[in-house]
Amino acid sequence: MTANTFRRDERGNMAVLFAIGFAVSAMVSAVAVDAASLYHERRIVQAGVDLAAISAATDPSRAAEIAQSVLAGAQLLAPASTDGLTVVAGRYDPAIPLVADRFIPGAMPHNAVSVTLDRPGQLFFAAGFAPPPVIRASGIAAVTPEVSFSLGSRLASLNHGLANALLSGLLGTTVSFSVLDYAALADVQIEALAFLDALATQLGVTAGTYDELLAMEAGTGAIAAAMAELTAGSARSALQSLAAAGSGETVALHKLLDLGRLGRLELGSAGAASLALSALEMLTAAAVMGNGDRQLAVALGASVPGLVSLALDLAVGEPAQGGGWFALGPTGTTLRTAQARLRLRAELLGGPALLGAAVKLPLWLDLAPAEARAETATCPSGVAPRGSATIAVRPGLLRFGLGQISDATLADFGVTPTAKSERLIEILLLRVTGAALVELAQTNPILLTFSSADIAAGAVKTARTETPVASLSQALLDDLELVVNVLGIGLSSPQLIDLAVRSLLAPLAPTLDLTIAGALSALGLGIGEADVRVYGVRCDRAALVG
């Protein structure tokens, strides 16, 4: 066959084309297999790095150790090897506008961890003519600190007689605790989840989550019985006696406790978290938030010369939305106390200058809700095992005035009592009227900082208004403006009568202060004050942020 004939011969051309196409196809398939393998391998590496970042973020002080352990467990690193591994602890600030700038390496306090892993990829077909590529995966995880704290807890110093009267009215039963009973209840600590498990048994609830239980209502008797199951000694006896009394008041449980994300746990999960709360604080909070009319009257005796009677009427308002006593949640979580309104009526016998006339002193006090908000929190670390937190507190606005308020005004918190002139003495020949008003307000929040040591010690810190009054009642009496009308001949001069009235009222100020403070303390409230306790900071909820 000549050369020309060979070039024109078309026999077997398909076999040649097929051989060339098969070779090209094989090469493409090899590249595709390697590419798919590298993609799959990168996904595995990325998943491992993400898991390592999430795990390390729960304890930034041990971030490198935790990340290495997780990656070794995923067989992405050899045991004890850190080849290609970079772990950096820092701070993640979601308030920074640019996402890329939100993680600040090394910034304190640490709340985030960045993990980067470089490792060679595996090639199957291209290994003979191409170096293995480097697979890089990185992830940033941050934790959101959750603070457990309470607002209003000044119950260890109760006057037990006044406390019994107030709790009896609030609970709708008879409370006759001794001083030792109150001390025992204040000292005993109850785990919140264990209490809710016991309460679920009291209510006949056998399944569901804690949030579903908290959406229900429970009688204060059932609450006392549940707490009694978790206590011993005199505290148990006191709670059992209260449970046996069978109070008919009910409590909306979600106003008593806010467990945050822990509320999604199933009933029976006691032990999953440590939230130890005071039995007395919980009992008093339940009394204040009960579904009764929240009004009571207490007749008080006092050893003030010339004091004929002293009566106290108390009304407790419904806590505002977000109100409650205890909460667990991230920064921004807010607690608010209930509004309280008191009416005091004192009657004293006047001396000769006042012709022995009775002096009536009607007073009212309006205490707006106090507010506490979790402002900042830092995670536990080796140096600070309990973490730390800052709570912004705004004590309630207080108005204390002279004047009569009706039962309707006492109960209607939509109406604000007003200051007005009031008749203190009125007989045929003598009329004395008076007017007075004292106000305390705190417009800017007061920051209370709780260190790890404070949290471990169960420290209670008090935010006080920046314009405190040493004696609220004395300040009111000092502000008292008297108008004396002498209608008969032979009576003392208006100046002497004015002095006689003031001298008669002056010894009453300490008694009024103690009475008001005792009544408010039974509710966990204070005059121009707010008490806060931080139980702990949890940082076991990490999430990927980059």
Protein backbone atom coordinates (compact mmCIF):
# COMPACT_ATOMS: atom_id res chain seq x y z
CA MET A 1 0.00 0.00 0.00
CA THR A 2 1.37 3.30 -1.03
CA ALA A 3 1.55 6.28 1.23
CA ASN A 4 -1.27 8.04 -0.60
CA THR A 5 -3.47 5.00 -0.34
CA PHE A 6 -2.78 4.70 3.39
CA ARG A 7 -3.72 8.31 3.97
CA ARG A 8 -7.00 7.83 2.10
CA ASP A 9 -7.87 4.59 3.92
CA GLU A 10 -10.71 5.23 6.43
CA ARG A 11 -11.00 1.75 7.80
CA GLY A 12 -10.69 1.53 11.64
CA ASN A 13 -11.08 5.25 12.24
CA MET A 14 -13.78 4.68 14.88
CA ALA A 15 -11.47 2.45 16.87
CA VAL A 16 -8.83 5.15 16.90
CA LEU A 17 -11.34 7.82 17.92
CA PHE A 18 -12.71 5.56 20.63
CA ALA A 19 -9.24 4.89 22.01
CA ILE A 20 -8.45 8.61 22.14
CA GLY A 21 -11.86 9.44 23.65
CA PHE A 22 -11.52 6.69 26.21
CA ALA A 23 -8.15 8.02 27.32
CA VAL A 24 -9.50 11.55 27.65
CA SER A 25 -12.59 10.26 29.44
CA ALA A 26 -10.47 8.27 31.85
CA MET A 27 -8.35 11.30 32.65
CA VAL A 28 -11.44 13.47 33.19
CA SER A 29 -13.02 10.79 35.37
CA ALA A 30 -9.85 10.52 37.44
CA VAL A 31 -9.80 14.26 37.97
CA ALA A 32 -13.52 14.20 38.84
CA VAL A 33 -13.00 11.39 41.35
CA ASP A 34 -10.14 13.26 43.00
CA ALA A 35 -12.14 16.51 43.04
CA ALA A 36 -15.16 14.79 44.57
CA SER A 37 -12.94 13.06 47.11
CA LEU A 38 -11.31 16.37 48.08
CA TYR A 39 -14.70 18.06 48.39
CA HIS A 40 -15.99 15.25 50.62
CA GLU A 41 -12.79 15.36 52.67
CA ARG A 42 -13.08 19.12 53.12
CA ARG A 43 -16.63 18.74 54.38
CA ILE A 44 -15.46 16.22 56.94
CA VAL A 45 -12.63 18.51 58.03
CA GLN A 46 -14.98 21.51 58.24
CA ALA A 47 -17.47 19.55 60.34
CA GLY A 48 -14.68 18.49 62.67
CA VAL A 49 -13.35 22.04 62.99
CA ASP A 50 -16.84 23.40 63.69
CA LEU A 51 -17.35 20.81 66.42
CA ALA A 52 -13.92 21.62 67.87
CA ALA A 53 -14.72 25.36 67.92
CA ILE A 54 -18.09 24.81 69.61
CA SER A 55 -16.55 22.52 72.22
CA ALA A 56 -13.60 24.84 72.89
CA ALA A 57 -15.82 27.92 73.24
CA THR A 58 -17.46 26.46 76.36
CA ASP A 59 -14.09 26.82 78.14
CA PRO A 60 -11.81 29.33 76.36
CA SER A 61 -9.11 28.86 79.00
CA ARG A 62 -8.59 25.30 77.72
CA ALA A 63 -9.45 26.00 74.09
CA ALA A 64 -6.32 24.47 72.49
CA GLU A 65 -6.52 21.31 74.58
CA ILE A 66 -10.23 20.80 73.88
CA ALA A 67 -9.93 21.49 70.14
CA GLN A 68 -7.01 19.06 69.75
CA SER A 69 -8.90 16.37 71.64
CA VAL A 70 -12.02 16.76 69.48
CA LEU A 71 -10.05 16.67 66.20
CA ALA A 72 -8.03 13.66 67.35
CA GLY A 73 -11.27 11.90 68.24
CA ALA A 74 -12.54 12.63 64.73
CA GLN A 75 -9.29 11.16 63.34
CA LEU A 76 -8.35 14.45 61.73
CA LEU A 77 -5.23 14.73 63.88
CA ALA A 78 -2.89 12.16 65.35
CA PRO A 79 -3.07 11.81 69.15
CA ALA A 80 -1.15 14.64 70.87
CA SER A 81 -0.39 16.20 67.46
CA THR A 82 -1.06 19.86 66.67
CA ASP A 83 0.26 19.85 63.09
CA GLY A 84 -1.60 22.49 61.09
CA LEU A 85 -3.83 23.40 64.05
CA THR A 86 -4.30 27.03 65.13
CA VAL A 87 -6.53 27.87 68.09
CA VAL A 88 -7.12 31.47 69.21
CA ALA A 89 -9.35 32.60 72.07
CA GLY A 90 -10.84 36.08 71.96
CA ARG A 91 -13.99 38.10 72.24
CA TYR A 92 -16.95 38.16 69.86
CA ASP A 93 -18.96 41.38 69.86
CA PRO A 94 -22.19 41.16 67.83
CA ALA A 95 -22.64 44.94 68.12
CA ILE A 96 -19.79 45.61 65.65
CA PRO A 97 -21.34 46.36 62.22
CA LEU A 98 -18.82 44.48 60.06
CA VAL A 99 -19.18 40.75 60.54
CA ALA A 100 -15.51 40.16 59.73
CA ASP A 101 -14.47 42.47 62.57
CA ARG A 102 -16.66 41.03 65.29
CA PHE A 103 -14.14 38.46 66.49
CA ILE A 104 -11.25 40.19 68.27
CA PRO A 105 -8.38 37.73 68.88
CA GLY A 106 -7.01 37.82 72.41
CA ALA A 107 -9.52 40.39 73.67
CA MET A 108 -10.70 39.92 77.24
CA PRO A 109 -12.91 38.61 78.63
CA HIS A 110 -12.88 35.61 76.30
CA ASN A 111 -16.24 34.42 75.01
CA ALA A 112 -15.26 32.96 71.62
CA VAL A 113 -12.69 30.66 70.02
CA SER A 114 -11.36 30.50 66.46
CA VAL A 115 -10.11 27.12 65.21
CA THR A 116 -8.22 26.65 61.93
CA LEU A 117 -6.87 23.36 60.59
CA ASP A 118 -4.58 22.89 57.58
CA ARG A 119 -3.96 19.34 56.37
CA PRO A 120 -2.93 17.78 53.04
CA GLY A 121 -5.71 16.36 50.92
CA GLN A 122 -5.61 12.84 49.54
CA LEU A 123 -5.25 12.28 45.76
CA PHE A 124 -5.92 8.92 44.13
CA PHE A 125 -5.30 9.32 40.38
CA ALA A 126 -3.52 12.67 40.19
CA ALA A 127 -0.94 11.80 42.85
CA GLY A 128 1.62 10.83 40.19
CA PHE A 129 1.76 14.21 38.49
CA ALA A 130 0.36 16.75 41.03
CA PRO A 131 1.22 17.56 44.67
CA PRO A 132 -1.60 17.05 47.20
CA PRO A 133 -3.49 20.31 47.82
CA VAL A 134 -3.79 21.79 51.34
CA ILE A 135 -7.31 21.64 52.77
CA ARG A 136 -8.05 24.54 55.12
CA ALA A 137 -11.11 24.73 57.33
CA SER A 138 -11.84 27.34 59.97
CA GLY A 139 -14.65 28.10 62.34
CA ILE A 140 -15.48 30.61 65.07
CA ALA A 141 -17.83 29.74 67.91
CA ALA A 142 -19.04 32.02 70.68
CA VAL A 143 -20.96 31.44 73.86
CA THR A 144 -23.84 33.53 75.17
CA PRO A 145 -23.46 33.80 78.95
CA GLU A 146 -26.71 33.19 80.81
CA VAL A 147 -27.19 34.77 84.21
CA SER A 148 -29.45 33.38 86.92
CA PHE A 149 -30.47 36.15 89.32
CA SER A 150 -33.28 37.33 91.57
CA LEU A 151 -34.73 40.70 92.55
CA GLY A 152 -35.92 41.30 96.12
CA SER A 153 -34.51 39.08 98.87
CA ARG A 154 -34.23 40.79 102.26
CA LEU A 155 -36.17 38.22 104.25
CA ALA A 156 -33.67 36.98 106.84
CA SER A 157 -34.24 40.04 109.06
CA LEU A 158 -38.03 39.79 109.26
CA ASN A 159 -39.98 40.78 112.33
CA HIS A 160 -41.84 37.48 112.59
CA GLY A 161 -45.02 38.94 114.09
CA LEU A 162 -45.54 41.40 111.26
CA ALA A 163 -44.41 38.81 108.71
CA ASN A 164 -46.98 36.32 110.01
CA ALA A 165 -49.74 38.89 109.68
CA LEU A 166 -48.71 39.87 106.16
CA LEU A 167 -48.16 36.33 104.90
CA SER A 168 -51.46 35.23 106.42
CA GLY A 169 -53.27 37.93 104.45
CA LEU A 170 -51.37 37.27 101.23
CA LEU A 171 -51.75 33.48 101.40
CA GLY A 172 -55.37 33.53 102.57
CA THR A 173 -54.61 31.28 105.56
CA THR A 174 -53.12 31.50 109.03
CA VAL A 175 -49.33 31.67 109.31
CA SER A 176 -47.80 31.35 112.77
CA PHE A 177 -44.10 30.81 112.11
CA SER A 178 -41.58 31.45 114.86
CA VAL A 179 -38.35 33.37 114.45
CA LEU A 180 -36.54 30.02 114.23
CA ASP A 181 -38.93 28.91 111.47
CA TYR A 182 -38.15 32.01 109.43
CA ALA A 183 -34.41 31.56 109.99
CA ALA A 184 -34.60 27.92 108.89
CA LEU A 185 -36.61 28.77 105.77
CA ALA A 186 -34.17 31.56 104.90
CA ASP A 187 -31.17 29.23 105.28
CA VAL A 188 -32.44 26.18 103.40
CA GLN A 189 -31.67 26.03 99.68
CA ILE A 190 -33.95 24.23 97.22
CA GLU A 191 -32.95 23.12 93.73
CA ALA A 192 -35.33 24.76 91.26
CA LEU A 193 -35.72 21.76 88.93
CA ALA A 194 -36.16 19.34 91.84
CA PHE A 195 -38.83 21.66 93.26
CA LEU A 196 -40.69 21.70 89.94
CA ASP A 197 -40.50 17.90 89.73
CA ALA A 198 -42.04 17.67 93.21
CA LEU A 199 -44.67 20.27 92.29
CA ALA A 200 -45.56 18.32 89.14
CA THR A 201 -46.25 15.31 91.37
CA GLN A 202 -48.46 17.46 93.62
CA LEU A 203 -50.42 18.61 90.55
CA GLY A 204 -50.66 15.12 89.03
CA VAL A 205 -48.55 16.05 85.99
CA THR A 206 -46.52 13.08 84.76
CA ALA A 207 -45.09 14.24 81.42
CA GLY A 208 -44.10 17.37 79.57
CA THR A 209 -41.49 20.08 79.84
CA TYR A 210 -40.79 22.53 82.62
CA ASP A 211 -42.13 25.37 80.44
CA GLU A 212 -45.42 23.47 80.05
CA LEU A 213 -45.60 23.10 83.83
CA LEU A 214 -44.78 26.78 84.34
CA ALA A 215 -47.68 27.69 82.05
CA MET A 216 -50.02 26.27 84.70
CA GLU A 217 -51.26 27.62 88.02
CA ALA A 218 -50.71 26.06 91.44
CA GLY A 219 -52.09 26.70 94.88
CA THR A 220 -49.72 28.08 97.49
CA GLY A 221 -50.51 25.01 99.59
CA ALA A 222 -49.24 22.72 96.82
CA ILE A 223 -46.12 24.90 96.45
CA ALA A 224 -45.45 24.61 100.18
CA ALA A 225 -45.97 20.84 100.07
CA ALA A 226 -43.54 20.48 97.16
CA MET A 227 -40.89 22.47 99.03
CA ALA A 228 -41.50 20.43 102.18
CA GLU A 229 -40.51 17.26 100.30
CA LEU A 230 -37.05 18.75 99.72
CA THR A 231 -36.40 20.07 103.23
CA ALA A 232 -35.92 18.70 106.73
CA GLY A 233 -36.17 19.81 110.35
CA SER A 234 -38.05 22.94 111.38
CA ALA A 235 -38.24 24.22 107.80
CA ARG A 236 -40.04 21.03 106.74
CA SER A 237 -42.44 21.26 109.70
CA ALA A 238 -43.26 24.89 108.92
CA LEU A 239 -43.93 24.16 105.26
CA GLN A 240 -46.03 21.09 106.07
CA SER A 241 -48.19 23.14 108.44
CA LEU A 242 -48.71 25.71 105.71
CA ALA A 243 -49.55 23.01 103.15
CA ALA A 244 -52.03 21.41 105.57
CA ALA A 245 -53.82 24.76 106.00
CA GLY A 246 -54.97 24.38 102.39
CA SER A 247 -54.64 27.94 101.12
CA GLY A 248 -56.98 28.64 98.24
CA GLU A 249 -54.73 31.21 96.58
CA THR A 250 -53.22 30.24 93.23
CA VAL A 251 -50.04 31.37 91.56
CA ALA A 252 -49.27 31.72 87.85
CA LEU A 253 -46.05 29.70 87.90
CA HIS A 254 -44.44 31.53 84.98
CA LYS A 255 -44.41 34.67 87.17
CA LEU A 256 -42.58 32.76 89.87
CA LEU A 257 -39.74 31.28 87.79
CA ASP A 258 -38.34 31.90 84.32
CA LEU A 259 -35.90 29.12 83.41
CA GLY A 260 -34.95 30.38 79.96
CA ARG A 261 -33.81 27.58 77.68
CA LEU A 262 -33.76 25.13 80.61
CA GLY A 263 -37.53 25.28 80.48
CA ARG A 264 -37.43 23.06 77.40
CA LEU A 265 -36.05 20.16 79.43
CA GLU A 266 -38.39 17.28 80.18
CA LEU A 267 -39.81 16.89 83.68
CA GLY A 268 -37.58 14.69 85.77
CA SER A 269 -34.38 16.38 84.59
CA ALA A 270 -33.36 17.52 88.09
CA GLY A 271 -29.59 17.48 88.27
CA ALA A 272 -29.16 18.84 84.75
CA ALA A 273 -28.52 22.28 86.25
CA SER A 274 -27.67 23.64 89.68
CA LEU A 275 -30.09 26.41 90.66
CA ALA A 276 -30.34 26.58 94.45
CA LEU A 277 -32.97 29.04 95.71
CA SER A 278 -34.00 30.13 99.20
CA ALA A 279 -37.18 28.45 100.43
CA LEU A 280 -38.33 31.62 102.21
CA GLU A 281 -37.74 33.78 99.15
CA MET A 282 -39.70 31.37 96.97
CA LEU A 283 -42.55 31.14 99.48
CA THR A 284 -42.82 34.93 99.81
CA ALA A 285 -42.64 35.41 96.04
CA ALA A 286 -45.49 32.91 95.65
CA ALA A 287 -47.53 34.82 98.25
CA VAL A 288 -46.99 38.17 96.55
CA MET A 289 -47.88 36.81 93.11
CA GLY A 290 -50.93 34.86 94.22
CA ASN A 291 -54.22 35.39 92.41
CA GLY A 292 -56.15 36.81 95.39
CA ASP A 293 -57.23 40.41 95.83
CA ARG A 294 -53.76 41.18 97.24
CA GLN A 295 -55.13 43.39 99.99
CA LEU A 296 -54.81 42.96 103.73
CA ALA A 297 -55.22 44.93 106.91
CA VAL A 298 -53.03 44.63 110.00
CA ALA A 299 -53.65 46.22 113.42
CA LEU A 300 -50.31 47.04 115.05
CA GLY A 301 -49.48 47.83 118.66
CA ALA A 302 -46.65 50.20 119.52
CA SER A 303 -45.13 51.61 122.70
CA VAL A 304 -45.27 55.26 121.67
CA PRO A 305 -46.63 57.53 124.43
CA GLY A 306 -50.11 58.71 123.60
CA LEU A 307 -50.52 56.36 120.61
CA VAL A 308 -54.07 55.01 120.64
CA SER A 309 -53.98 52.93 117.47
CA LEU A 310 -51.90 52.20 114.40
CA ALA A 311 -53.42 50.35 111.44
CA LEU A 312 -51.83 49.25 108.18
CA ASP A 313 -53.61 48.43 104.94
CA LEU A 314 -51.52 46.94 102.12
CA ALA A 315 -52.24 46.33 98.45
CA VAL A 316 -49.92 44.52 96.04
CA GLY A 317 -50.26 45.11 92.32
CA GLU A 318 -49.89 42.66 89.48
CA PRO A 319 -46.24 42.54 88.29
CA ALA A 320 -45.72 44.08 84.87
CA GLN A 321 -44.98 42.01 81.78
CA GLY A 322 -41.56 40.51 82.35
CA GLY A 323 -42.13 40.83 86.06
CA GLY A 324 -41.15 38.05 88.35
CA TRP A 325 -38.77 37.12 91.08
CA PHE A 326 -36.18 34.78 89.50
CA ALA A 327 -34.93 34.42 85.92
CA LEU A 328 -32.19 32.70 83.95
CA GLY A 329 -31.24 34.15 80.58
CA PRO A 330 -28.77 36.11 78.47
CA THR A 331 -27.92 39.78 78.87
CA GLY A 332 -31.05 41.87 78.54
CA THR A 333 -33.14 39.53 80.72
CA THR A 334 -35.24 41.72 83.03
CA LEU A 335 -37.00 41.25 86.36
CA ARG A 336 -39.54 43.61 87.91
CA THR A 337 -41.09 43.57 91.34
CA ALA A 338 -44.75 44.20 92.01
CA GLN A 339 -46.04 47.66 92.83
CA ALA A 340 -46.99 48.12 96.48
CA ARG A 341 -49.28 50.65 98.13
CA LEU A 342 -49.66 51.18 101.88
CA ARG A 343 -52.20 53.09 103.91
CA LEU A 344 -51.31 53.94 107.52
CA ARG A 345 -53.71 55.40 110.05
CA ALA A 346 -52.39 56.53 113.41
CA GLU A 347 -54.37 58.12 116.21
CA LEU A 348 -52.80 59.89 119.20
CA LEU A 349 -54.20 61.63 122.28
CA GLY A 350 -53.43 65.31 122.45
CA GLY A 351 -52.17 67.04 125.60
CA PRO A 352 -53.67 69.96 127.49
CA ALA A 353 -52.62 72.45 124.84
CA LEU A 354 -54.80 70.52 122.41
CA LEU A 355 -57.67 70.13 124.88
CA GLY A 356 -57.02 66.35 124.87
CA ALA A 357 -58.36 66.12 121.34
CA ALA A 358 -57.49 63.06 119.25
CA VAL A 359 -54.88 63.71 116.57
CA LYS A 360 -55.47 61.63 113.46
CA LEU A 361 -52.56 61.10 111.10
CA PRO A 362 -53.58 59.43 107.80
CA LEU A 363 -50.64 58.50 105.53
CA TRP A 364 -50.16 56.72 102.23
CA LEU A 365 -47.08 55.31 100.51
CA ASP A 366 -46.85 54.34 96.85
CA LEU A 367 -43.85 52.22 95.77
CA ALA A 368 -43.45 51.68 92.02
CA PRO A 369 -41.89 48.43 90.70
CA ALA A 370 -38.14 48.10 90.92
CA GLU A 371 -36.31 46.75 87.87
CA ALA A 372 -33.15 44.66 87.44
CA ARG A 373 -31.62 43.84 84.04
CA ALA A 374 -28.66 41.57 83.27
CA GLU A 375 -26.26 44.07 81.72
CA THR A 376 -23.04 42.10 81.17
CA ALA A 377 -21.72 38.64 82.00
CA THR A 378 -18.44 36.79 81.64
CA CYS A 379 -18.02 33.05 81.47
CA PRO A 380 -16.47 30.97 84.25
CA SER A 381 -12.72 30.42 83.94
CA GLY A 382 -9.87 28.98 85.94
CA VAL A 383 -9.33 32.32 87.64
CA ALA A 384 -13.06 33.02 88.15
CA PRO A 385 -14.81 29.63 88.41
CA ARG A 386 -18.26 31.18 88.90
CA GLY A 387 -17.92 33.83 86.19
CA SER A 388 -19.07 37.37 86.85
CA ALA A 389 -22.02 39.59 86.05
CA THR A 390 -23.18 43.19 86.16
CA ILE A 391 -26.83 43.92 86.93
CA ALA A 392 -28.36 47.31 86.11
CA VAL A 393 -30.89 48.15 88.81
CA ARG A 394 -33.46 50.92 89.02
CA PRO A 395 -35.12 51.11 92.48
CA GLY A 396 -38.79 51.91 92.41
CA LEU A 397 -40.08 55.48 92.52
CA LEU A 398 -41.49 56.26 95.97
CA ARG A 399 -44.10 58.83 96.98
CA PHE A 400 -45.04 59.22 100.66
CA GLY A 401 -47.76 61.63 101.56
CA LEU A 402 -50.21 62.81 104.18
CA GLY A 403 -53.85 62.23 103.34
CA GLN A 404 -56.76 59.85 103.23
CA ILE A 405 -57.05 57.40 100.33
CA SER A 406 -60.16 55.33 99.76
CA ASP A 407 -60.33 51.55 99.46
CA ALA A 408 -60.88 51.99 95.72
CA THR A 409 -57.73 54.11 95.35
CA LEU A 410 -55.76 51.67 97.50
CA ALA A 411 -56.63 48.84 95.11
CA ASP A 412 -56.54 50.73 91.79
CA PHE A 413 -52.92 51.06 90.68
CA GLY A 414 -54.03 52.99 87.62
CA VAL A 415 -54.81 55.93 89.92
CA THR A 416 -51.93 57.77 91.61
CA PRO A 417 -52.65 59.16 95.09
CA THR A 418 -52.31 62.93 95.29
CA ALA A 419 -51.01 65.21 98.03
CA LYS A 420 -53.65 67.34 99.70
CA SER A 421 -54.32 69.19 102.93
CA GLU A 422 -55.80 66.90 105.61
CA ARG A 423 -57.61 67.67 108.88
CA LEU A 424 -55.57 66.34 111.79
CA ILE A 425 -57.64 67.84 114.63
CA GLU A 426 -61.20 69.02 114.46
CA ILE A 427 -63.20 69.84 117.55
CA LEU A 428 -65.62 72.60 118.28
CA LEU A 429 -63.00 75.22 119.15
CA LEU A 430 -59.92 74.02 117.30
CA ARG A 431 -59.09 72.92 113.77
CA VAL A 432 -55.63 71.88 112.57
CA THR A 433 -54.91 70.86 109.00
CA GLY A 434 -51.65 69.69 107.46
CA ALA A 435 -50.05 68.76 104.16
CA ALA A 436 -46.79 66.94 103.36
CA LEU A 437 -45.20 64.93 100.54
CA VAL A 438 -41.83 63.18 100.12
CA GLU A 439 -40.64 61.71 96.81
CA LEU A 440 -37.66 59.51 95.93
CA ALA A 441 -36.73 58.74 92.34
CA GLN A 442 -33.83 57.07 90.54
CA THR A 443 -33.86 57.78 86.81
CA ASN A 444 -30.47 56.30 85.88
CA PRO A 445 -29.78 52.60 86.51
CA ILE A 446 -27.35 51.70 89.29
CA LEU A 447 -24.78 49.08 88.26
CA LEU A 448 -24.11 46.23 90.71
CA THR A 449 -21.07 44.08 89.89
CA PHE A 450 -20.90 40.49 91.12
CA SER A 451 -17.49 38.83 91.10
CA SER A 452 -16.94 35.08 91.10
CA ALA A 453 -16.35 35.26 94.86
CA ASP A 454 -19.61 37.21 95.36
CA ILE A 455 -21.57 34.59 93.44
CA ALA A 456 -19.95 31.72 95.34
CA ALA A 457 -20.74 33.40 98.67
CA GLY A 458 -24.38 34.03 97.73
CA ALA A 459 -23.89 37.76 98.25
CA VAL A 460 -26.96 40.00 98.14
CA LYS A 461 -26.22 43.53 96.95
CA THR A 462 -28.48 46.52 97.35
CA ALA A 463 -28.97 49.37 94.90
CA ARG A 464 -29.99 52.54 96.71
CA THR A 465 -31.27 55.77 95.30
CA GLU A 466 -28.68 58.52 95.10
CA THR A 467 -30.90 60.76 97.23
CA PRO A 468 -31.50 58.56 100.30
CA VAL A 469 -33.55 59.67 103.24
CA ALA A 470 -32.27 58.47 106.64
CA SER A 471 -35.79 58.51 108.11
CA LEU A 472 -38.61 58.61 105.63
CA SER A 473 -41.26 59.42 108.23
CA GLN A 474 -39.11 62.07 109.89
CA ALA A 475 -38.56 63.69 106.49
CA LEU A 476 -42.33 63.73 105.96
CA LEU A 477 -43.02 65.22 109.40
CA ASP A 478 -40.27 67.80 108.91
CA ASP A 479 -41.98 68.79 105.65
CA LEU A 480 -45.37 69.01 107.37
CA GLU A 481 -47.13 72.35 106.82
CA LEU A 482 -49.68 73.02 109.55
CA VAL A 483 -52.54 75.50 109.47
CA VAL A 484 -54.06 76.21 112.91
CA ASN A 485 -57.48 77.81 113.32
CA VAL A 486 -58.27 78.77 116.94
CA LEU A 487 -62.01 79.34 117.25
CA GLY A 488 -62.39 79.73 121.03
CA ILE A 489 -61.24 82.23 123.62
CA GLY A 490 -58.74 81.01 126.21
CA LEU A 491 -57.02 78.47 123.98
CA SER A 492 -53.27 78.50 123.47
CA SER A 493 -51.83 80.59 120.68
CA PRO A 494 -51.56 79.07 117.18
CA GLN A 495 -47.77 78.98 117.59
CA LEU A 496 -48.01 76.91 120.78
CA ILE A 497 -50.60 74.58 119.25
CA ASP A 498 -48.37 74.12 116.19
CA LEU A 499 -45.45 73.24 118.50
CA ALA A 500 -47.63 70.87 120.54
CA VAL A 501 -48.77 68.96 117.44
CA ARG A 502 -45.22 68.62 116.14
CA SER A 503 -43.95 67.49 119.55
CA LEU A 504 -46.71 64.88 119.72
CA LEU A 505 -45.96 63.50 116.26
CA ALA A 506 -42.15 63.49 116.47
CA PRO A 507 -41.81 60.27 118.58
CA LEU A 508 -44.04 58.47 116.05
CA ALA A 509 -41.48 58.70 113.21
CA PRO A 510 -39.30 55.69 114.22
CA THR A 511 -42.38 53.51 114.70
CA LEU A 512 -43.70 54.45 111.27
CA ASP A 513 -40.32 53.73 109.69
CA LEU A 514 -40.12 50.28 111.30
CA THR A 515 -43.70 49.48 110.32
CA ILE A 516 -43.20 50.49 106.68
CA ALA A 517 -39.82 48.78 106.41
CA GLY A 518 -41.18 45.57 107.95
CA ALA A 519 -44.19 45.47 105.64
CA LEU A 520 -42.08 46.05 102.53
CA SER A 521 -39.39 43.60 103.67
CA ALA A 522 -42.02 40.87 103.83
CA LEU A 523 -42.53 41.50 100.12
CA GLY A 524 -38.80 41.56 99.36
CA LEU A 525 -38.97 45.32 98.73
CA GLY A 526 -37.24 48.32 100.24
CA ILE A 527 -37.63 52.06 100.48
CA GLY A 528 -35.63 53.50 97.60
CA GLU A 529 -33.75 50.21 97.42
CA ALA A 530 -33.64 47.00 95.42
CA ASP A 531 -31.85 43.82 96.47
CA VAL A 532 -30.24 41.56 93.85
CA ARG A 533 -28.55 38.19 94.06
CA VAL A 534 -26.71 36.38 91.25
CA TYR A 535 -26.78 32.60 91.53
CA GLY A 536 -24.43 31.79 88.67
CA VAL A 537 -23.32 32.32 85.08
CA ARG A 538 -23.72 29.48 82.59
CA CYS A 539 -21.71 29.29 79.38
CA ASP A 540 -22.54 25.83 78.09
CA ARG A 541 -24.42 27.00 75.01
CA ALA A 542 -21.96 27.74 72.22
CA ALA A 543 -22.93 28.49 68.61
CA LEU A 544 -21.06 29.04 65.36
CA VAL A 545 -20.72 32.70 64.45
CA GLY A 546 -18.17 32.50 61.64
